[in-house]
Amino acid sequence: MVRADFDRNLKLLQEELLLLGGLVEKAIVDSIEALKTRNLELSHKVVAQDDIIDQKTNEIEEKAIDLIATQQPIAIDLRTLMSVIHISVELERMGDYAEGIGKIGIMMGNDPPVKPLVDIPKMADKASGMLKRSLDSLVRRDPILARQVCDDDDEVDNLYDQIYNDLIQLMISDPSTIQRATYLMWAAHDLERIADRATNIGERVIFLVTGQLVSA
């Protein structure tokens, strides 16, 4: 394979990775929208869509591994391919968390949440924003933007702590809310993990550009 063919395949692989990221971002947004509006049909759709995310992840990994095996790339090309594999796995796990929120929506059924959903959607906005910007940093090869994504994880962690503490107090004051409050705790935890995965992507972009492994 000549260099031009390799570069073209690498570009196509990155485009597929961005497509995967778009699927995951939509799954996150839809899972929270379904939770807010008690839209069980949308919750079921989010759960079903996870199979597509898993399939796309496998395809990306297989293509990346094939390029590594057949071309034996070195230096920046090898870092790029390894980063593609790493990021695809992070995206697949985010899809799992969105699926988890979809399942929470199904388990809640038509019961209303124990409190108005304000902080959880806010947390989802920040987490999905981190995902989008982490992928933007990949496209731009921008380690500064990637570092900003890592820094934003603290805001999501703070929101999670606030939601967790509020729900604990609610359960203490009214034990009848324990089950429904627990569902919301699970949803908040899934969002916190999504933000952690976006941070991992930011760290991987920094590695790709600089060759240095960092930890937020």
N, C-alpha and C. Protein backbone atom coordinates (compact mmCIF):
# COMPACT_ATOMS: atom_id res chain seq x y z
N MET A 1 0.85 -1.20 0.00
CA MET A 1 0.00 0.00 0.00
C MET A 1 0.89 1.25 0.00
N VAL A 2 0.67 2.11 -0.99
CA VAL A 2 1.46 3.32 -1.07
C VAL A 2 1.01 4.30 0.01
N ARG A 3 1.82 5.31 0.23
CA ARG A 3 1.55 6.27 1.31
C ARG A 3 0.19 6.95 1.14
N ALA A 4 -0.16 7.30 -0.09
CA ALA A 4 -1.43 7.99 -0.32
C ALA A 4 -2.61 7.11 0.08
N ASP A 5 -2.50 5.80 -0.21
CA ASP A 5 -3.58 4.88 0.17
C ASP A 5 -3.67 4.75 1.69
N PHE A 6 -2.52 4.69 2.34
CA PHE A 6 -2.51 4.59 3.80
C PHE A 6 -3.15 5.83 4.42
N ASP A 7 -2.76 7.00 3.92
CA ASP A 7 -3.32 8.24 4.45
C ASP A 7 -4.84 8.30 4.24
N ARG A 8 -5.28 7.84 3.08
CA ARG A 8 -6.72 7.86 2.80
C ARG A 8 -7.47 6.92 3.75
N ASN A 9 -6.93 5.73 3.96
CA ASN A 9 -7.57 4.79 4.88
C ASN A 9 -7.57 5.30 6.31
N LEU A 10 -6.50 5.99 6.69
CA LEU A 10 -6.43 6.56 8.02
C LEU A 10 -7.48 7.66 8.19
N LYS A 11 -7.66 8.46 7.16
CA LYS A 11 -8.67 9.52 7.19
C LYS A 11 -10.07 8.93 7.27
N LEU A 12 -10.33 7.89 6.50
CA LEU A 12 -11.64 7.24 6.53
C LEU A 12 -11.91 6.63 7.91
N LEU A 13 -10.86 6.10 8.51
CA LEU A 13 -11.00 5.50 9.83
C LEU A 13 -11.37 6.56 10.86
N GLN A 14 -10.73 7.71 10.77
CA GLN A 14 -11.06 8.80 11.70
C GLN A 14 -12.48 9.28 11.48
N GLU A 15 -12.93 9.33 10.23
CA GLU A 15 -14.31 9.74 9.95
C GLU A 15 -15.30 8.75 10.54
N GLU A 16 -14.98 7.47 10.48
CA GLU A 16 -15.85 6.46 11.09
C GLU A 16 -15.88 6.62 12.61
N LEU A 17 -14.74 6.99 13.18
CA LEU A 17 -14.68 7.21 14.62
C LEU A 17 -15.57 8.39 15.01
N LEU A 18 -15.56 9.43 14.22
CA LEU A 18 -16.41 10.59 14.49
C LEU A 18 -17.89 10.24 14.33
N LEU A 19 -18.19 9.37 13.36
CA LEU A 19 -19.56 8.90 13.20
C LEU A 19 -20.00 8.13 14.44
N LEU A 20 -19.12 7.29 14.94
CA LEU A 20 -19.41 6.56 16.18
C LEU A 20 -19.65 7.54 17.32
N GLY A 21 -18.82 8.56 17.41
CA GLY A 21 -19.00 9.57 18.45
C GLY A 21 -20.35 10.26 18.35
N GLY A 22 -20.80 10.52 17.11
CA GLY A 22 -22.11 11.14 16.92
C GLY A 22 -23.24 10.24 17.38
N LEU A 23 -23.11 8.94 17.12
CA LEU A 23 -24.12 7.98 17.57
C LEU A 23 -24.19 7.94 19.10
N VAL A 24 -23.02 7.98 19.73
CA VAL A 24 -22.97 7.93 21.19
C VAL A 24 -23.55 9.21 21.79
N GLU A 25 -23.17 10.35 21.21
CA GLU A 25 -23.70 11.62 21.72
C GLU A 25 -25.22 11.64 21.64
N LYS A 26 -25.78 11.16 20.51
CA LYS A 26 -27.24 11.12 20.36
C LYS A 26 -27.87 10.18 21.38
N ALA A 27 -27.21 9.06 21.64
CA ALA A 27 -27.74 8.12 22.62
C ALA A 27 -27.81 8.75 24.01
N ILE A 28 -26.79 9.53 24.36
CA ILE A 28 -26.78 10.21 25.67
C ILE A 28 -27.93 11.20 25.75
N VAL A 29 -28.05 12.04 24.72
CA VAL A 29 -29.10 13.07 24.70
C VAL A 29 -30.48 12.42 24.75
N ASP A 30 -30.68 11.38 23.94
CA ASP A 30 -31.99 10.72 23.89
C ASP A 30 -32.32 10.03 25.21
N SER A 31 -31.32 9.44 25.85
CA SER A 31 -31.59 8.73 27.11
C SER A 31 -32.08 9.69 28.18
N ILE A 32 -31.50 10.89 28.23
CA ILE A 32 -31.92 11.87 29.23
C ILE A 32 -33.27 12.48 28.86
N GLU A 33 -33.48 12.72 27.58
CA GLU A 33 -34.78 13.24 27.13
C GLU A 33 -35.89 12.26 27.48
N ALA A 34 -35.62 10.97 27.27
CA ALA A 34 -36.61 9.95 27.60
C ALA A 34 -36.89 9.92 29.09
N LEU A 35 -35.84 10.10 29.89
CA LEU A 35 -35.99 10.11 31.34
C LEU A 35 -36.81 11.32 31.80
N LYS A 36 -36.54 12.47 31.21
CA LYS A 36 -37.25 13.70 31.57
C LYS A 36 -38.74 13.63 31.23
N THR A 37 -39.02 13.11 30.03
CA THR A 37 -40.40 13.15 29.52
C THR A 37 -41.16 11.87 29.77
N ARG A 38 -40.51 10.87 30.41
CA ARG A 38 -41.09 9.55 30.65
C ARG A 38 -41.52 8.93 29.33
N ASN A 39 -40.66 9.06 28.33
CA ASN A 39 -40.92 8.53 26.99
C ASN A 39 -40.34 7.11 26.91
N LEU A 40 -41.16 6.12 27.20
CA LEU A 40 -40.68 4.74 27.25
C LEU A 40 -40.27 4.24 25.87
N GLU A 41 -40.95 4.70 24.85
CA GLU A 41 -40.60 4.28 23.49
C GLU A 41 -39.18 4.74 23.16
N LEU A 42 -38.85 5.97 23.54
CA LEU A 42 -37.50 6.48 23.28
C LEU A 42 -36.47 5.74 24.12
N SER A 43 -36.82 5.40 25.35
CA SER A 43 -35.90 4.63 26.20
C SER A 43 -35.58 3.29 25.54
N HIS A 44 -36.60 2.62 25.04
CA HIS A 44 -36.39 1.33 24.35
C HIS A 44 -35.52 1.52 23.10
N LYS A 45 -35.70 2.62 22.41
CA LYS A 45 -34.91 2.89 21.20
C LYS A 45 -33.43 3.06 21.56
N VAL A 46 -33.16 3.77 22.65
CA VAL A 46 -31.77 3.96 23.10
C VAL A 46 -31.13 2.61 23.40
N VAL A 47 -31.87 1.75 24.08
CA VAL A 47 -31.34 0.42 24.43
C VAL A 47 -31.04 -0.37 23.15
N ALA A 48 -31.94 -0.33 22.20
CA ALA A 48 -31.75 -1.08 20.95
C ALA A 48 -30.58 -0.54 20.14
N GLN A 49 -30.38 0.77 20.16
CA GLN A 49 -29.32 1.40 19.37
C GLN A 49 -27.93 1.00 19.85
N ASP A 50 -27.83 0.48 21.06
CA ASP A 50 -26.50 0.12 21.57
C ASP A 50 -25.87 -0.98 20.74
N ASP A 51 -26.68 -1.85 20.15
CA ASP A 51 -26.13 -2.90 19.29
C ASP A 51 -25.42 -2.30 18.08
N ILE A 52 -25.96 -1.22 17.55
CA ILE A 52 -25.33 -0.55 16.40
C ILE A 52 -24.01 0.07 16.82
N ILE A 53 -23.98 0.67 18.00
CA ILE A 53 -22.74 1.26 18.52
C ILE A 53 -21.68 0.18 18.71
N ASP A 54 -22.09 -0.95 19.27
CA ASP A 54 -21.14 -2.06 19.47
C ASP A 54 -20.59 -2.56 18.13
N GLN A 55 -21.46 -2.69 17.15
CA GLN A 55 -21.03 -3.18 15.84
C GLN A 55 -20.05 -2.21 15.18
N LYS A 56 -20.37 -0.92 15.25
CA LYS A 56 -19.48 0.08 14.66
C LYS A 56 -18.13 0.09 15.36
N THR A 57 -18.11 -0.08 16.67
CA THR A 57 -16.86 -0.15 17.41
C THR A 57 -16.00 -1.31 16.94
N ASN A 58 -16.62 -2.46 16.78
CA ASN A 58 -15.88 -3.64 16.33
C ASN A 58 -15.30 -3.42 14.94
N GLU A 59 -16.07 -2.79 14.06
CA GLU A 59 -15.59 -2.54 12.70
C GLU A 59 -14.37 -1.62 12.71
N ILE A 60 -14.42 -0.59 13.54
CA ILE A 60 -13.30 0.36 13.62
C ILE A 60 -12.06 -0.34 14.15
N GLU A 61 -12.22 -1.11 15.20
CA GLU A 61 -11.07 -1.83 15.77
C GLU A 61 -10.45 -2.78 14.76
N GLU A 62 -11.30 -3.51 14.05
CA GLU A 62 -10.79 -4.47 13.07
C GLU A 62 -10.00 -3.77 11.96
N LYS A 63 -10.52 -2.64 11.49
CA LYS A 63 -9.83 -1.92 10.42
C LYS A 63 -8.51 -1.33 10.91
N ALA A 64 -8.51 -0.83 12.14
CA ALA A 64 -7.27 -0.27 12.69
C ALA A 64 -6.22 -1.35 12.88
N ILE A 65 -6.65 -2.49 13.41
CA ILE A 65 -5.71 -3.60 13.62
C ILE A 65 -5.16 -4.10 12.28
N ASP A 66 -6.02 -4.14 11.26
CA ASP A 66 -5.58 -4.58 9.94
C ASP A 66 -4.52 -3.64 9.38
N LEU A 67 -4.70 -2.34 9.56
CA LEU A 67 -3.70 -1.38 9.09
C LEU A 67 -2.38 -1.54 9.84
N ILE A 68 -2.47 -1.78 11.13
CA ILE A 68 -1.24 -1.98 11.91
C ILE A 68 -0.52 -3.25 11.43
N ALA A 69 -1.29 -4.31 11.22
CA ALA A 69 -0.69 -5.59 10.84
C ALA A 69 -0.09 -5.57 9.44
N THR A 70 -0.75 -4.89 8.52
CA THR A 70 -0.30 -4.93 7.12
C THR A 70 0.71 -3.85 6.79
N GLN A 71 0.68 -2.74 7.51
CA GLN A 71 1.55 -1.62 7.17
C GLN A 71 2.69 -1.41 8.16
N GLN A 72 2.56 -2.01 9.35
CA GLN A 72 3.59 -1.87 10.39
C GLN A 72 4.03 -0.40 10.55
N PRO A 73 3.06 0.48 10.84
CA PRO A 73 3.38 1.90 10.95
C PRO A 73 4.26 2.19 12.16
N ILE A 74 4.96 3.30 12.12
CA ILE A 74 5.81 3.72 13.22
C ILE A 74 5.48 5.16 13.59
N ALA A 75 6.01 5.60 14.71
CA ALA A 75 5.92 6.99 15.17
C ALA A 75 4.47 7.47 15.19
N ILE A 76 4.20 8.63 14.58
CA ILE A 76 2.90 9.28 14.70
C ILE A 76 1.79 8.43 14.10
N ASP A 77 2.06 7.70 13.04
CA ASP A 77 1.03 6.86 12.43
C ASP A 77 0.59 5.74 13.38
N LEU A 78 1.54 5.14 14.06
CA LEU A 78 1.21 4.09 15.02
C LEU A 78 0.44 4.68 16.20
N ARG A 79 0.87 5.84 16.68
CA ARG A 79 0.14 6.50 17.78
C ARG A 79 -1.29 6.81 17.37
N THR A 80 -1.47 7.23 16.11
CA THR A 80 -2.81 7.55 15.63
C THR A 80 -3.70 6.32 15.64
N LEU A 81 -3.19 5.22 15.11
CA LEU A 81 -3.99 4.01 15.05
C LEU A 81 -4.28 3.45 16.44
N MET A 82 -3.31 3.49 17.31
CA MET A 82 -3.53 3.04 18.68
C MET A 82 -4.55 3.94 19.38
N SER A 83 -4.49 5.23 19.09
CA SER A 83 -5.45 6.17 19.69
C SER A 83 -6.86 5.92 19.17
N VAL A 84 -6.98 5.60 17.89
CA VAL A 84 -8.29 5.29 17.32
C VAL A 84 -8.91 4.09 18.04
N ILE A 85 -8.12 3.05 18.24
CA ILE A 85 -8.62 1.86 18.95
C ILE A 85 -9.03 2.23 20.37
N HIS A 86 -8.16 2.97 21.06
CA HIS A 86 -8.43 3.35 22.45
C HIS A 86 -9.71 4.19 22.53
N ILE A 87 -9.85 5.17 21.64
CA ILE A 87 -11.00 6.08 21.69
C ILE A 87 -12.28 5.34 21.33
N SER A 88 -12.20 4.41 20.38
CA SER A 88 -13.40 3.65 20.01
C SER A 88 -13.92 2.85 21.21
N VAL A 89 -13.01 2.31 22.01
CA VAL A 89 -13.42 1.57 23.20
C VAL A 89 -14.07 2.51 24.22
N GLU A 90 -13.51 3.69 24.38
CA GLU A 90 -14.11 4.67 25.30
C GLU A 90 -15.52 5.03 24.85
N LEU A 91 -15.69 5.22 23.54
CA LEU A 91 -17.01 5.58 23.01
C LEU A 91 -18.01 4.43 23.21
N GLU A 92 -17.53 3.21 23.01
CA GLU A 92 -18.41 2.06 23.21
C GLU A 92 -18.90 1.99 24.66
N ARG A 93 -18.02 2.28 25.59
CA ARG A 93 -18.41 2.26 27.00
C ARG A 93 -19.40 3.39 27.30
N MET A 94 -19.20 4.55 26.69
CA MET A 94 -20.18 5.63 26.85
C MET A 94 -21.55 5.19 26.34
N GLY A 95 -21.55 4.48 25.21
CA GLY A 95 -22.81 3.96 24.69
C GLY A 95 -23.47 3.02 25.68
N ASP A 96 -22.65 2.22 26.37
CA ASP A 96 -23.19 1.32 27.40
C ASP A 96 -23.85 2.11 28.53
N TYR A 97 -23.23 3.22 28.92
CA TYR A 97 -23.81 4.03 29.99
C TYR A 97 -25.12 4.69 29.54
N ALA A 98 -25.16 5.14 28.29
CA ALA A 98 -26.41 5.69 27.76
C ALA A 98 -27.49 4.62 27.72
N GLU A 99 -27.10 3.40 27.32
CA GLU A 99 -28.04 2.28 27.35
C GLU A 99 -28.53 2.04 28.77
N GLY A 100 -27.61 2.16 29.74
CA GLY A 100 -27.99 1.98 31.14
C GLY A 100 -29.05 2.99 31.56
N ILE A 101 -28.90 4.23 31.13
CA ILE A 101 -29.90 5.25 31.46
C ILE A 101 -31.23 4.92 30.78
N GLY A 102 -31.14 4.41 29.53
CA GLY A 102 -32.36 3.99 28.86
C GLY A 102 -33.08 2.90 29.63
N LYS A 103 -32.33 1.95 30.16
CA LYS A 103 -32.93 0.87 30.95
C LYS A 103 -33.52 1.40 32.25
N ILE A 104 -32.87 2.41 32.83
CA ILE A 104 -33.42 3.03 34.04
C ILE A 104 -34.78 3.66 33.73
N GLY A 105 -34.85 4.33 32.57
CA GLY A 105 -36.13 4.92 32.17
C GLY A 105 -37.22 3.87 32.05
N ILE A 106 -36.86 2.71 31.51
CA ILE A 106 -37.83 1.61 31.37
C ILE A 106 -38.24 1.08 32.74
N MET A 107 -37.28 0.92 33.63
CA MET A 107 -37.60 0.43 34.97
C MET A 107 -38.50 1.39 35.75
N MET A 108 -38.31 2.68 35.52
CA MET A 108 -39.14 3.68 36.19
C MET A 108 -40.57 3.65 35.67
N GLY A 109 -40.71 3.17 34.44
CA GLY A 109 -42.05 3.08 33.86
C GLY A 109 -42.70 4.45 33.75
N ASN A 110 -43.96 4.52 34.12
CA ASN A 110 -44.69 5.79 34.05
C ASN A 110 -44.64 6.58 35.35
N ASP A 111 -43.91 6.05 36.35
CA ASP A 111 -43.81 6.77 37.62
C ASP A 111 -43.01 8.05 37.43
N PRO A 112 -43.47 9.14 38.00
CA PRO A 112 -42.70 10.39 37.88
C PRO A 112 -41.45 10.32 38.75
N PRO A 113 -40.40 11.08 38.41
CA PRO A 113 -39.22 11.13 39.27
C PRO A 113 -39.58 11.68 40.65
N VAL A 114 -38.75 11.38 41.63
CA VAL A 114 -39.03 11.83 43.00
C VAL A 114 -38.86 13.34 43.15
N LYS A 115 -38.19 13.97 42.20
CA LYS A 115 -38.00 15.42 42.22
C LYS A 115 -37.85 15.89 40.79
N PRO A 116 -38.12 17.16 40.52
CA PRO A 116 -37.95 17.66 39.16
C PRO A 116 -36.52 17.43 38.66
N LEU A 117 -36.40 16.99 37.43
CA LEU A 117 -35.07 16.71 36.87
C LEU A 117 -34.47 18.01 36.33
N VAL A 118 -33.61 18.59 37.14
CA VAL A 118 -32.92 19.82 36.76
C VAL A 118 -31.41 19.57 36.69
N ASP A 119 -30.86 19.05 37.77
CA ASP A 119 -29.41 18.86 37.84
C ASP A 119 -28.91 17.71 36.95
N ILE A 120 -29.71 16.65 36.82
CA ILE A 120 -29.28 15.54 35.98
C ILE A 120 -29.19 15.96 34.50
N PRO A 121 -30.20 16.66 33.95
CA PRO A 121 -30.02 17.16 32.58
C PRO A 121 -28.85 18.13 32.44
N LYS A 122 -28.62 18.94 33.47
CA LYS A 122 -27.47 19.84 33.44
C LYS A 122 -26.16 19.04 33.39
N MET A 123 -26.12 18.00 34.18
CA MET A 123 -24.96 17.12 34.19
C MET A 123 -24.78 16.45 32.82
N ALA A 124 -25.89 16.04 32.22
CA ALA A 124 -25.83 15.41 30.90
C ALA A 124 -25.33 16.38 29.85
N ASP A 125 -25.77 17.63 29.93
CA ASP A 125 -25.30 18.64 28.97
C ASP A 125 -23.78 18.82 29.05
N LYS A 126 -23.28 18.86 30.28
CA LYS A 126 -21.84 19.04 30.45
C LYS A 126 -21.07 17.82 29.96
N ALA A 127 -21.58 16.63 30.27
CA ALA A 127 -20.89 15.41 29.87
C ALA A 127 -20.89 15.24 28.35
N SER A 128 -22.04 15.49 27.71
CA SER A 128 -22.10 15.36 26.26
C SER A 128 -21.28 16.45 25.58
N GLY A 129 -21.23 17.63 26.22
CA GLY A 129 -20.37 18.71 25.70
C GLY A 129 -18.90 18.33 25.78
N MET A 130 -18.52 17.67 26.85
CA MET A 130 -17.14 17.20 26.98
C MET A 130 -16.82 16.18 25.89
N LEU A 131 -17.76 15.29 25.61
CA LEU A 131 -17.55 14.31 24.54
C LEU A 131 -17.34 15.01 23.21
N LYS A 132 -18.21 15.96 22.89
CA LYS A 132 -18.10 16.65 21.60
C LYS A 132 -16.76 17.37 21.48
N ARG A 133 -16.36 18.06 22.55
CA ARG A 133 -15.11 18.81 22.49
C ARG A 133 -13.88 17.89 22.48
N SER A 134 -14.01 16.74 23.11
CA SER A 134 -12.88 15.80 23.07
C SER A 134 -12.65 15.32 21.63
N LEU A 135 -13.74 15.08 20.90
CA LEU A 135 -13.61 14.66 19.51
C LEU A 135 -13.17 15.83 18.63
N ASP A 136 -13.61 17.05 18.96
CA ASP A 136 -13.12 18.22 18.24
C ASP A 136 -11.61 18.36 18.41
N SER A 137 -11.14 18.10 19.62
CA SER A 137 -9.70 18.21 19.87
C SER A 137 -8.93 17.16 19.07
N LEU A 138 -9.56 16.01 18.84
CA LEU A 138 -8.93 14.98 18.02
C LEU A 138 -8.81 15.46 16.57
N VAL A 139 -9.91 15.99 16.04
CA VAL A 139 -9.90 16.46 14.65
C VAL A 139 -8.87 17.56 14.46
N ARG A 140 -8.80 18.47 15.42
CA ARG A 140 -7.89 19.62 15.31
C ARG A 140 -6.47 19.30 15.76
N ARG A 141 -6.32 18.10 16.37
CA ARG A 141 -5.03 17.77 16.99
C ARG A 141 -4.62 18.89 17.95
N ASP A 142 -5.57 19.22 18.85
CA ASP A 142 -5.43 20.38 19.73
C ASP A 142 -5.30 19.91 21.18
N PRO A 143 -4.07 19.84 21.71
CA PRO A 143 -3.90 19.37 23.08
C PRO A 143 -4.43 20.36 24.12
N ILE A 144 -4.50 21.65 23.78
CA ILE A 144 -5.02 22.64 24.73
C ILE A 144 -6.51 22.41 24.95
N LEU A 145 -7.26 22.20 23.87
CA LEU A 145 -8.68 21.91 23.99
C LEU A 145 -8.88 20.58 24.72
N ALA A 146 -8.03 19.62 24.42
CA ALA A 146 -8.13 18.32 25.10
C ALA A 146 -7.92 18.48 26.60
N ARG A 147 -6.98 19.31 27.00
CA ARG A 147 -6.72 19.55 28.42
C ARG A 147 -7.91 20.24 29.07
N GLN A 148 -8.58 21.14 28.35
CA GLN A 148 -9.77 21.81 28.90
C GLN A 148 -10.88 20.80 29.19
N VAL A 149 -11.01 19.81 28.30
CA VAL A 149 -11.99 18.75 28.53
C VAL A 149 -11.68 18.02 29.83
N CYS A 150 -10.42 17.70 30.03
CA CYS A 150 -10.01 17.02 31.26
C CYS A 150 -10.34 17.85 32.50
N ASP A 151 -10.08 19.16 32.39
CA ASP A 151 -10.33 20.05 33.53
C ASP A 151 -11.82 20.15 33.86
N ASP A 152 -12.66 20.05 32.83
CA ASP A 152 -14.11 20.19 33.04
C ASP A 152 -14.71 19.03 33.82
N ASP A 153 -13.97 17.95 33.95
CA ASP A 153 -14.50 16.78 34.66
C ASP A 153 -14.82 17.12 36.12
N ASP A 154 -14.10 18.08 36.69
CA ASP A 154 -14.37 18.47 38.08
C ASP A 154 -15.78 19.01 38.25
N GLU A 155 -16.27 19.75 37.24
CA GLU A 155 -17.63 20.31 37.32
C GLU A 155 -18.66 19.19 37.35
N VAL A 156 -18.45 18.19 36.54
CA VAL A 156 -19.39 17.06 36.51
C VAL A 156 -19.34 16.30 37.83
N ASP A 157 -18.15 16.11 38.36
CA ASP A 157 -18.01 15.43 39.65
C ASP A 157 -18.74 16.20 40.75
N ASN A 158 -18.64 17.51 40.72
CA ASN A 158 -19.32 18.33 41.73
C ASN A 158 -20.84 18.21 41.62
N LEU A 159 -21.34 18.20 40.39
CA LEU A 159 -22.78 18.03 40.19
C LEU A 159 -23.23 16.66 40.68
N TYR A 160 -22.42 15.65 40.40
CA TYR A 160 -22.77 14.30 40.86
C TYR A 160 -22.85 14.26 42.38
N ASP A 161 -21.88 14.84 43.05
CA ASP A 161 -21.89 14.87 44.51
C ASP A 161 -23.14 15.57 45.03
N GLN A 162 -23.50 16.67 44.38
CA GLN A 162 -24.69 17.42 44.80
C GLN A 162 -25.96 16.58 44.63
N ILE A 163 -26.08 15.94 43.47
CA ILE A 163 -27.26 15.10 43.20
C ILE A 163 -27.32 13.95 44.20
N TYR A 164 -26.19 13.31 44.41
CA TYR A 164 -26.12 12.17 45.34
C TYR A 164 -26.56 12.58 46.74
N ASN A 165 -26.02 13.69 47.23
CA ASN A 165 -26.35 14.14 48.58
C ASN A 165 -27.82 14.54 48.69
N ASP A 166 -28.34 15.20 47.65
CA ASP A 166 -29.75 15.59 47.67
C ASP A 166 -30.66 14.37 47.73
N LEU A 167 -30.32 13.35 46.96
CA LEU A 167 -31.15 12.15 46.93
C LEU A 167 -31.06 11.36 48.23
N ILE A 168 -29.88 11.34 48.83
CA ILE A 168 -29.73 10.69 50.14
C ILE A 168 -30.62 11.36 51.17
N GLN A 169 -30.61 12.68 51.19
CA GLN A 169 -31.44 13.42 52.14
C GLN A 169 -32.93 13.15 51.89
N LEU A 170 -33.29 13.05 50.63
CA LEU A 170 -34.68 12.78 50.28
C LEU A 170 -35.10 11.40 50.78
N MET A 171 -34.21 10.42 50.61
CA MET A 171 -34.54 9.06 51.06
C MET A 171 -34.63 8.97 52.58
N ILE A 172 -33.80 9.74 53.26
CA ILE A 172 -33.84 9.75 54.73
C ILE A 172 -35.15 10.37 55.23
N SER A 173 -35.56 11.44 54.57
CA SER A 173 -36.77 12.14 55.01
C SER A 173 -38.04 11.41 54.61
N ASP A 174 -37.97 10.65 53.52
CA ASP A 174 -39.16 9.94 53.04
C ASP A 174 -38.73 8.59 52.46
N PRO A 175 -38.70 7.54 53.30
CA PRO A 175 -38.24 6.22 52.84
C PRO A 175 -39.03 5.65 51.65
N SER A 176 -40.24 6.15 51.44
CA SER A 176 -41.04 5.64 50.32
C SER A 176 -40.44 6.03 48.97
N THR A 177 -39.49 6.96 48.99
CA THR A 177 -38.87 7.41 47.73
C THR A 177 -37.60 6.63 47.39
N ILE A 178 -37.21 5.68 48.23
CA ILE A 178 -35.89 5.06 48.10
C ILE A 178 -35.68 4.44 46.70
N GLN A 179 -36.65 3.68 46.23
CA GLN A 179 -36.45 3.02 44.95
C GLN A 179 -36.31 4.03 43.81
N ARG A 180 -37.23 4.98 43.73
CA ARG A 180 -37.17 5.96 42.64
C ARG A 180 -35.94 6.85 42.75
N ALA A 181 -35.53 7.18 43.97
CA ALA A 181 -34.32 7.98 44.15
C ALA A 181 -33.08 7.19 43.73
N THR A 182 -33.10 5.89 44.00
CA THR A 182 -31.97 5.05 43.61
C THR A 182 -31.82 5.01 42.09
N TYR A 183 -32.93 4.97 41.37
CA TYR A 183 -32.86 5.01 39.90
C TYR A 183 -32.12 6.26 39.43
N LEU A 184 -32.46 7.39 40.05
CA LEU A 184 -31.81 8.64 39.64
C LEU A 184 -30.33 8.65 40.01
N MET A 185 -29.99 8.03 41.13
CA MET A 185 -28.57 7.90 41.50
C MET A 185 -27.81 7.11 40.43
N TRP A 186 -28.44 6.04 39.97
CA TRP A 186 -27.79 5.23 38.92
C TRP A 186 -27.58 6.06 37.65
N ALA A 187 -28.60 6.84 37.29
CA ALA A 187 -28.49 7.67 36.08
C ALA A 187 -27.37 8.70 36.23
N ALA A 188 -27.30 9.33 37.41
CA ALA A 188 -26.25 10.31 37.65
C ALA A 188 -24.87 9.66 37.60
N HIS A 189 -24.77 8.45 38.15
CA HIS A 189 -23.49 7.73 38.13
C HIS A 189 -23.08 7.41 36.70
N ASP A 190 -24.04 7.01 35.85
CA ASP A 190 -23.71 6.74 34.45
C ASP A 190 -23.18 8.01 33.76
N LEU A 191 -23.78 9.14 34.06
CA LEU A 191 -23.32 10.40 33.46
C LEU A 191 -21.92 10.76 33.96
N GLU A 192 -21.67 10.51 35.23
CA GLU A 192 -20.34 10.78 35.78
C GLU A 192 -19.28 9.93 35.08
N ARG A 193 -19.63 8.69 34.77
CA ARG A 193 -18.70 7.81 34.07
C ARG A 193 -18.52 8.23 32.62
N ILE A 194 -19.57 8.74 31.99
CA ILE A 194 -19.45 9.25 30.63
C ILE A 194 -18.44 10.39 30.59
N ALA A 195 -18.52 11.29 31.57
CA ALA A 195 -17.57 12.40 31.64
C ALA A 195 -16.15 11.89 31.85
N ASP A 196 -16.00 10.85 32.68
CA ASP A 196 -14.68 10.26 32.88
C ASP A 196 -14.12 9.71 31.57
N ARG A 197 -14.97 9.08 30.78
CA ARG A 197 -14.53 8.53 29.49
C ARG A 197 -14.15 9.64 28.51
N ALA A 198 -14.89 10.75 28.54
CA ALA A 198 -14.53 11.89 27.70
C ALA A 198 -13.16 12.43 28.10
N THR A 199 -12.90 12.43 29.41
CA THR A 199 -11.59 12.84 29.91
C THR A 199 -10.50 11.91 29.38
N ASN A 200 -10.80 10.62 29.37
CA ASN A 200 -9.83 9.66 28.83
C ASN A 200 -9.51 9.94 27.37
N ILE A 201 -10.54 10.33 26.61
CA ILE A 201 -10.30 10.68 25.20
C ILE A 201 -9.41 11.90 25.10
N GLY A 202 -9.67 12.90 25.95
CA GLY A 202 -8.81 14.08 25.97
C GLY A 202 -7.37 13.72 26.26
N GLU A 203 -7.17 12.84 27.21
CA GLU A 203 -5.81 12.40 27.55
C GLU A 203 -5.16 11.67 26.38
N ARG A 204 -5.96 10.90 25.66
CA ARG A 204 -5.43 10.16 24.50
C ARG A 204 -5.04 11.12 23.38
N VAL A 205 -5.80 12.19 23.21
CA VAL A 205 -5.46 13.19 22.19
C VAL A 205 -4.14 13.87 22.54
N ILE A 206 -3.96 14.17 23.81
CA ILE A 206 -2.69 14.76 24.25
C ILE A 206 -1.54 13.82 23.94
N PHE A 207 -1.74 12.53 24.19
CA PHE A 207 -0.71 11.53 23.87
C PHE A 207 -0.45 11.49 22.37
N LEU A 208 -1.52 11.53 21.59
CA LEU A 208 -1.37 11.46 20.15
C LEU A 208 -0.52 12.61 19.62
N VAL A 209 -0.78 13.81 20.12
CA VAL A 209 -0.10 15.00 19.60
C VAL A 209 1.31 15.14 20.17
N THR A 210 1.44 14.86 21.46
CA THR A 210 2.73 15.14 22.12
C THR A 210 3.58 13.91 22.38
N GLY A 211 2.93 12.73 22.36
CA GLY A 211 3.66 11.52 22.72
C GLY A 211 3.79 11.31 24.20
N GLN A 212 3.14 12.17 25.00
CA GLN A 212 3.23 12.08 26.44
C GLN A 212 1.92 11.57 27.02
N LEU A 213 2.00 10.56 27.87
CA LEU A 213 0.83 10.05 28.56
C LEU A 213 0.58 10.89 29.80
N VAL A 214 -0.63 11.41 29.91
CA VAL A 214 -0.99 12.26 31.05
C VAL A 214 -2.18 11.64 31.76
N SER A 215 -2.40 12.10 32.98
CA SER A 215 -3.56 11.66 33.75
C SER A 215 -4.18 12.87 34.42
N ALA A 216 -5.49 13.03 34.21
CA ALA A 216 -6.18 14.20 34.78
C ALA A 216 -6.25 14.12 36.29
